[in-house]
Amino acid sequence: MKLLTIASSILLSVTLTTGAGALDVDPHFPPYKPVRLDSAEIKSVGSDTLGDLMRNWAGDFSKLNPSVKIDVESKGSNTAPSALLDGSSQLGPMSRPMRSEEYEPFEKKYGYHPVSFPVAVDALAVYVNKENPIECLTIDQLGEIFSKPYLFGITNITMWGSAGLTGDWATHPISLFGRNPASGTYDVFAEEVLRGRDFKGDVKQQPGSAEVVKMVAADKYAIGYSGIGYLTDAVRTVPLATTPGECYDTSPASTYSGKYPLARYLYLYLNKAPDKALDPAILEFAKFILSRDGQTETIKSGFYPITEPLRSKALQTLGLPSDSN
C-alpha cells in the first residue's frame, strides 16, 4: 500500500515543478487522441475516495466520446470486488489492493485474476480544524488517539493535552471522525495506524471522504482521516512521523518519496481475460485516464499523478504497447 519500496524510481521520473511549487504531469505523457466509438454504457462501482475523480474522468471522456455513458457509484472500495464478480460493473476503483479472499472467488469463476493498475497517488491525510496548532503526530500517537486501549481500564490519548497541545487546547477532549467499514481508506488506516487494534467506539463514522473533512471543519477540537483530494481551506493536514522528530507533510515530494507514512496508490480493477481484448469503450476510457488529459484531471481533483514507469506498466497490463496514446 505504501510507496516507500518504489520511491527511488518514482522520484527519478516525476516532474514536480512547472512554476513555484506547482505539480505537473510527467512530460512524457501524451495527450489523449479520441477514436470513433459505438454507443456503450459503462458502470463503475467502488471507492468513495476515487468517486469524484472517477466522475470527473467520466465527464471529460464523455465530452470527447458522446456515445459512451459512464455511471459511477462510489459507496466504498469493499463494494468493487463483488460488483466485478457478478458483472454488475466493468470498472472497480479501489483505494487499497484487493485482498485474496476478494479475488479468489473471481478467479474461481473466471479462471484468472482481475487486472489492476494505479491511476493516482494519494496521501491519506490526517485532518484537523484550521485553528488547531498541532505540528506533528507520530503513527503511534495517532494509533493511541483512534484505537481502544490495549488493556481494559488503561486510558490512551483522549485529550489534546496528551497529544502535545498546551493552554486551553490541553483540557479539551479529541473529537474523532473516520470512514465506515465499506471504505478502503478505513482498511488502510486500520492496518497502518491501528495495527490490529479496534477503533474506539466514539469514532463518528462517515459515509464519504468529503463528509469527514466537513465534520472536522465544523468542530474545532476534531481530528479525522481522508484522501488528500478532499482538502479544503477550513482544515489543515497534520505532518506525520514514524519515529519522533522525523515529521513529513502531505506534499507531493514527501508523498512520492514515501517519507510521508500514509502514502498510497489508488487503483482501478478490470475484468480482462488474458487472451482477449477489452471492450473498445472500456479500453479507451482506461487510455484516457492514463493520458496527459486524464492525469491533469487527477491534479485538478487534488490528488497526485502517476508517473511514466507506472503508465507504461499499466498499458502493458491492458495488452497495449507502452508508448500507446
Protein backbone atom coordinates (compact mmCIF):
# COMPACT_ATOMS: atom_id res chain seq x y z
CA MET A 1 0.00 0.00 0.00
CA LYS A 2 2.86 2.38 0.69
CA LEU A 3 5.13 3.99 -1.86
CA LEU A 4 8.31 3.55 0.12
CA THR A 5 9.51 0.45 -1.73
CA ILE A 6 9.49 2.18 -5.10
CA ALA A 7 10.31 5.70 -4.02
CA SER A 8 13.60 5.95 -5.91
CA SER A 9 12.13 5.07 -9.31
CA ILE A 10 9.27 7.49 -8.81
CA LEU A 11 11.50 10.39 -7.89
CA LEU A 12 13.58 9.87 -11.00
CA SER A 13 10.59 10.26 -13.28
CA VAL A 14 8.15 12.64 -11.65
CA THR A 15 8.04 16.32 -12.60
CA LEU A 16 7.25 18.33 -9.52
CA THR A 17 7.72 21.89 -10.72
CA THR A 18 6.37 23.88 -13.60
CA GLY A 19 6.44 27.07 -11.59
CA ALA A 20 6.79 27.97 -7.95
CA GLY A 21 5.85 24.75 -6.18
CA ALA A 22 3.44 23.62 -8.90
CA LEU A 23 2.77 19.99 -9.73
CA ASP A 24 2.56 18.80 -13.32
CA VAL A 25 2.10 15.57 -15.24
CA ASP A 26 5.22 13.78 -16.44
CA PRO A 27 6.17 15.48 -19.75
CA HIS A 28 6.39 12.07 -21.47
CA PHE A 29 2.64 11.54 -21.10
CA PRO A 30 0.92 12.02 -24.49
CA PRO A 31 -2.43 13.77 -24.84
CA TYR A 32 -5.45 11.55 -25.39
CA LYS A 33 -6.48 11.03 -29.02
CA PRO A 34 -10.23 10.29 -29.29
CA VAL A 35 -11.36 7.48 -31.59
CA ARG A 36 -14.77 6.76 -33.05
CA LEU A 37 -16.74 4.53 -30.69
CA ASP A 38 -20.11 2.81 -30.91
CA SER A 39 -22.72 3.51 -28.24
CA ALA A 40 -21.76 1.98 -24.91
CA GLU A 41 -22.71 2.11 -21.24
CA ILE A 42 -20.06 1.54 -18.60
CA LYS A 43 -20.66 1.03 -14.89
CA SER A 44 -18.09 1.83 -12.19
CA VAL A 45 -18.63 0.57 -8.63
CA GLY A 46 -16.18 1.06 -5.80
CA SER A 47 -14.07 3.60 -3.94
CA ASP A 48 -15.55 6.77 -2.48
CA THR A 49 -12.06 8.30 -2.31
CA LEU A 50 -11.87 7.93 -6.08
CA GLY A 51 -15.55 8.82 -6.56
CA ASP A 52 -15.21 12.48 -7.50
CA LEU A 53 -12.16 11.81 -9.65
CA MET A 54 -13.91 8.94 -11.47
CA ARG A 55 -16.88 11.22 -12.15
CA ASN A 56 -14.60 13.95 -13.44
CA TRP A 57 -12.80 11.50 -15.71
CA ALA A 58 -16.13 10.12 -16.91
CA GLY A 59 -17.48 13.60 -17.67
CA ASP A 60 -14.37 14.65 -19.58
CA PHE A 61 -14.29 11.38 -21.53
CA SER A 62 -17.98 11.58 -22.48
CA LYS A 63 -17.46 15.07 -23.88
CA LEU A 64 -14.86 13.61 -26.23
CA ASN A 65 -16.88 10.45 -26.85
CA PRO A 66 -20.59 11.40 -26.56
CA SER A 67 -21.75 7.90 -27.48
CA VAL A 68 -20.26 6.47 -24.27
CA LYS A 69 -22.13 6.88 -20.97
CA ILE A 70 -20.31 6.13 -17.72
CA ASP A 71 -22.21 5.72 -14.44
CA VAL A 72 -20.16 6.00 -11.25
CA GLU A 73 -21.30 4.52 -7.93
CA SER A 74 -18.91 5.23 -5.05
CA LYS A 75 -20.01 3.62 -1.79
CA GLY A 76 -16.60 2.22 -0.85
CA SER A 77 -13.76 0.02 -2.10
CA ASN A 78 -15.27 -3.04 -0.45
CA THR A 79 -18.14 -2.92 -2.96
CA ALA A 80 -15.86 -3.22 -6.01
CA PRO A 81 -14.88 -6.94 -5.89
CA SER A 82 -18.45 -8.29 -5.70
CA ALA A 83 -19.63 -5.95 -8.47
CA LEU A 84 -16.83 -7.14 -10.76
CA LEU A 85 -17.54 -10.73 -9.78
CA ASP A 86 -21.24 -10.67 -10.68
CA GLY A 87 -20.72 -8.48 -13.75
CA SER A 88 -22.83 -5.58 -12.49
CA SER A 89 -19.83 -3.28 -13.14
CA GLN A 90 -16.96 -3.21 -15.59
CA LEU A 91 -14.74 -0.92 -13.50
CA GLY A 92 -13.74 -1.39 -9.87
CA PRO A 93 -11.87 1.62 -8.42
CA MET A 94 -10.27 0.85 -5.06
CA SER A 95 -8.22 2.85 -2.58
CA ARG A 96 -6.39 -0.29 -1.45
CA PRO A 97 -5.20 -3.51 -3.10
CA MET A 98 -7.79 -6.29 -3.43
CA ARG A 99 -7.39 -8.98 -0.78
CA SER A 100 -7.00 -12.68 -1.51
CA GLU A 101 -10.45 -13.52 -0.15
CA GLU A 102 -11.87 -10.99 -2.64
CA TYR A 103 -10.06 -12.05 -5.80
CA GLU A 104 -10.19 -15.82 -5.16
CA PRO A 105 -13.96 -16.08 -5.92
CA PHE A 106 -13.32 -14.07 -9.09
CA GLU A 107 -10.50 -16.41 -10.11
CA LYS A 108 -12.67 -19.46 -9.37
CA LYS A 109 -15.47 -18.11 -11.56
CA TYR A 110 -13.44 -16.72 -14.48
CA GLY A 111 -10.18 -18.65 -14.33
CA TYR A 112 -7.96 -15.60 -13.97
CA HIS A 113 -7.35 -12.65 -11.64
CA PRO A 114 -8.86 -9.22 -12.28
CA VAL A 115 -6.22 -6.90 -13.70
CA SER A 116 -5.33 -3.71 -11.88
CA PHE A 117 -3.06 -0.70 -12.09
CA PRO A 118 -2.51 2.57 -10.18
CA VAL A 119 -4.44 5.54 -11.55
CA ALA A 120 -3.45 8.16 -8.95
CA VAL A 121 -1.20 8.73 -5.95
CA ASP A 122 -2.73 9.75 -2.62
CA ALA A 123 -1.52 10.99 0.74
CA LEU A 124 -4.04 9.55 3.17
CA ALA A 125 -4.27 12.73 5.20
CA VAL A 126 -4.94 13.30 8.89
CA TYR A 127 -7.12 16.41 9.11
CA VAL A 128 -7.64 18.85 11.96
CA ASN A 129 -9.55 22.12 12.14
CA LYS A 130 -7.62 25.05 10.63
CA GLU A 131 -7.32 26.60 14.11
CA ASN A 132 -5.59 23.56 15.59
CA PRO A 133 -1.86 24.29 16.15
CA ILE A 134 -0.66 20.66 16.34
CA GLU A 135 2.68 20.46 14.49
CA CYS A 136 3.23 16.72 14.20
CA LEU A 137 1.93 13.35 15.34
CA THR A 138 3.71 10.02 15.30
CA ILE A 139 1.94 6.97 13.94
CA ASP A 140 1.99 5.56 17.47
CA GLN A 141 0.29 8.68 18.84
CA LEU A 142 -2.29 8.51 16.06
CA GLY A 143 -2.96 4.90 16.96
CA GLU A 144 -3.44 5.87 20.61
CA ILE A 145 -5.89 8.58 19.55
CA PHE A 146 -8.10 6.39 17.36
CA SER A 147 -7.83 2.91 18.91
CA LYS A 148 -9.20 1.30 22.01
CA PRO A 149 -6.62 0.75 24.78
CA TYR A 150 -4.66 -2.49 24.78
CA LEU A 151 -5.88 -3.36 28.28
CA PHE A 152 -9.23 -2.76 29.94
CA GLY A 153 -9.12 0.25 32.24
CA ILE A 154 -5.97 1.69 30.64
CA THR A 155 -6.60 5.15 29.14
CA ASN A 156 -4.83 6.15 25.94
CA ILE A 157 -4.89 9.56 24.23
CA THR A 158 -8.30 11.18 24.63
CA MET A 159 -7.37 14.83 25.31
CA TRP A 160 -5.43 17.27 23.14
CA GLY A 161 -3.04 17.86 26.03
CA SER A 162 -1.94 14.22 25.85
CA ALA A 163 -1.22 14.76 22.15
CA GLY A 164 1.16 17.63 22.92
CA LEU A 165 -1.01 20.77 22.92
CA THR A 166 -0.91 23.26 25.77
CA GLY A 167 -3.03 26.08 27.14
CA ASP A 168 -6.78 25.98 26.52
CA TRP A 169 -6.36 23.16 24.00
CA ALA A 170 -4.93 20.78 26.58
CA THR A 171 -8.19 20.37 28.51
CA HIS A 172 -10.42 19.58 25.54
CA PRO A 173 -11.37 16.04 24.51
CA ILE A 174 -10.42 14.97 20.98
CA SER A 175 -13.46 14.54 18.74
CA LEU A 176 -12.94 11.64 16.31
CA PHE A 177 -14.19 11.25 12.75
CA GLY A 178 -13.46 8.47 10.27
CA ARG A 179 -14.80 6.36 7.41
CA ASN A 180 -17.17 3.41 7.59
CA PRO A 181 -16.09 -0.24 7.18
CA ALA A 182 -17.09 -0.31 3.48
CA SER A 183 -14.22 2.07 2.81
CA GLY A 184 -10.77 1.08 1.61
CA THR A 185 -9.48 4.15 3.44
CA TYR A 186 -10.89 2.68 6.67
CA ASP A 187 -8.99 -0.55 5.96
CA VAL A 188 -5.69 1.19 5.15
CA PHE A 189 -5.89 3.40 8.23
CA ALA A 190 -6.72 0.42 10.45
CA GLU A 191 -3.84 -1.62 9.06
CA GLU A 192 -1.18 1.09 9.04
CA VAL A 193 -2.19 3.01 12.18
CA LEU A 194 -4.25 0.78 14.50
CA ARG A 195 -2.16 -2.32 13.70
CA GLY A 196 -4.58 -4.94 14.91
CA ARG A 197 -6.43 -2.89 17.49
CA ASP A 198 -10.08 -1.83 17.23
CA PHE A 199 -11.34 1.67 16.58
CA LYS A 200 -12.72 3.48 19.60
CA GLY A 201 -16.47 3.30 19.88
CA ASP A 202 -16.84 7.08 19.73
CA VAL A 203 -15.27 7.45 16.28
CA LYS A 204 -18.06 9.05 14.25
CA GLN A 205 -18.08 7.03 11.02
CA GLN A 206 -18.92 8.95 7.86
CA PRO A 207 -20.25 7.53 4.56
CA GLY A 208 -17.87 9.56 2.42
CA SER A 209 -14.46 11.23 2.28
CA ALA A 210 -15.86 14.73 1.90
CA GLU A 211 -18.13 14.25 4.93
CA VAL A 212 -15.13 13.52 7.18
CA VAL A 213 -13.49 16.79 6.19
CA LYS A 214 -16.75 18.74 6.63
CA MET A 215 -17.18 17.36 10.14
CA VAL A 216 -13.62 18.27 11.10
CA ALA A 217 -14.08 21.77 9.67
CA ALA A 218 -17.17 22.24 11.83
CA ASP A 219 -15.56 21.03 15.08
CA LYS A 220 -12.60 22.98 16.47
CA TYR A 221 -11.38 20.01 18.51
CA ALA A 222 -11.84 17.32 15.86
CA ILE A 223 -9.46 15.03 14.01
CA GLY A 224 -10.22 12.76 11.06
CA TYR A 225 -8.67 10.97 8.10
CA SER A 226 -9.44 11.12 4.37
CA GLY A 227 -7.75 11.36 0.97
CA ILE A 228 -5.68 14.43 0.09
CA GLY A 229 -8.09 15.24 -2.73
CA TYR A 230 -10.65 16.41 -0.17
CA LEU A 231 -8.51 19.13 1.42
CA THR A 232 -10.31 22.46 1.93
CA ASP A 233 -9.39 25.84 3.38
CA ALA A 234 -11.34 25.05 6.55
CA VAL A 235 -8.94 22.29 7.64
CA ARG A 236 -5.25 21.52 7.65
CA THR A 237 -3.29 18.31 7.33
CA VAL A 238 -1.06 17.12 10.16
CA PRO A 239 2.56 16.15 9.37
CA LEU A 240 3.25 12.57 10.47
CA ALA A 241 6.29 10.69 11.69
CA THR A 242 7.13 7.02 12.03
CA THR A 243 9.54 7.96 14.84
CA PRO A 244 9.67 11.12 17.00
CA GLY A 245 11.39 14.09 15.35
CA GLU A 246 11.05 12.96 11.73
CA CYS A 247 7.84 14.65 10.57
CA TYR A 248 6.75 14.72 6.92
CA ASP A 249 3.83 16.59 5.40
CA THR A 250 1.40 15.57 2.66
CA SER A 251 3.27 17.47 -0.05
CA PRO A 252 3.94 15.75 -3.39
CA ALA A 253 7.66 15.45 -2.59
CA SER A 254 7.05 13.74 0.76
CA THR A 255 4.37 11.52 -0.74
CA TYR A 256 6.30 10.40 -3.83
CA SER A 257 9.39 9.72 -1.74
CA GLY A 258 7.41 7.51 0.62
CA LYS A 259 8.60 9.56 3.60
CA TYR A 260 5.03 10.55 4.39
CA PRO A 261 3.94 7.40 6.27
CA LEU A 262 0.44 7.09 4.77
CA ALA A 263 1.31 7.49 1.09
CA ARG A 264 -0.59 5.07 -1.16
CA TYR A 265 -1.76 4.29 -4.67
CA LEU A 266 -5.37 4.46 -5.83
CA TYR A 267 -6.23 1.57 -8.16
CA LEU A 268 -8.55 0.60 -10.99
CA TYR A 269 -9.59 -3.06 -11.30
CA LEU A 270 -10.98 -4.59 -14.52
CA ASN A 271 -12.25 -7.95 -15.73
CA LYS A 272 -9.86 -8.70 -18.59
CA ALA A 273 -9.24 -12.23 -19.82
CA PRO A 274 -5.55 -12.83 -20.64
CA ASP A 275 -6.29 -13.89 -24.23
CA LYS A 276 -9.00 -11.35 -25.05
CA ALA A 277 -9.02 -7.63 -25.79
CA LEU A 278 -11.09 -5.31 -23.64
CA ASP A 279 -14.32 -3.82 -24.91
CA PRO A 280 -13.24 -0.81 -27.04
CA ALA A 281 -15.09 1.76 -24.92
CA ILE A 282 -13.60 0.45 -21.67
CA LEU A 283 -10.14 0.31 -23.21
CA GLU A 284 -10.40 3.88 -24.49
CA PHE A 285 -11.58 5.13 -21.11
CA ALA A 286 -8.60 3.45 -19.44
CA LYS A 287 -6.29 5.01 -22.03
CA PHE A 288 -7.84 8.40 -21.29
CA ILE A 289 -7.20 8.01 -17.56
CA LEU A 290 -3.57 7.13 -18.32
CA SER A 291 -3.09 10.06 -20.72
CA ARG A 292 -1.89 13.61 -20.08
CA ASP A 293 -5.52 14.74 -20.13
CA GLY A 294 -6.59 12.19 -17.56
CA GLN A 295 -3.68 12.78 -15.21
CA THR A 296 -4.13 16.55 -15.47
CA GLU A 297 -7.62 15.99 -14.11
CA THR A 298 -6.03 13.97 -11.29
CA ILE A 299 -4.14 17.10 -10.24
CA LYS A 300 -7.23 19.32 -10.59
CA SER A 301 -9.10 16.92 -8.32
CA GLY A 302 -6.47 17.33 -5.60
CA PHE A 303 -4.58 14.05 -5.97
CA TYR A 304 -1.11 13.39 -7.40
CA PRO A 305 -0.50 11.93 -10.88
CA ILE A 306 1.13 8.62 -11.60
CA THR A 307 4.49 8.54 -13.38
CA GLU A 308 5.69 7.28 -16.75
CA PRO A 309 7.02 3.91 -15.49
CA LEU A 310 3.63 3.23 -13.89
CA ARG A 311 1.80 4.33 -17.03
CA SER A 312 3.92 2.06 -19.23
CA LYS A 313 3.30 -0.91 -16.98
CA ALA A 314 -0.45 -0.19 -16.90
CA LEU A 315 -0.63 -0.08 -20.68
CA GLN A 316 1.14 -3.44 -20.88
CA THR A 317 -1.38 -4.81 -18.39
CA LEU A 318 -4.11 -3.71 -20.79
CA GLY A 319 -2.37 -5.52 -23.65
CA LEU A 320 -1.12 -2.33 -25.29
CA PRO A 321 2.37 -1.11 -26.27
CA SER A 322 3.96 1.05 -23.56
CA ASP A 323 4.02 4.05 -25.93
CA SER A 324 0.29 3.96 -26.77
CA ASN A 325 -1.75 7.17 -26.67
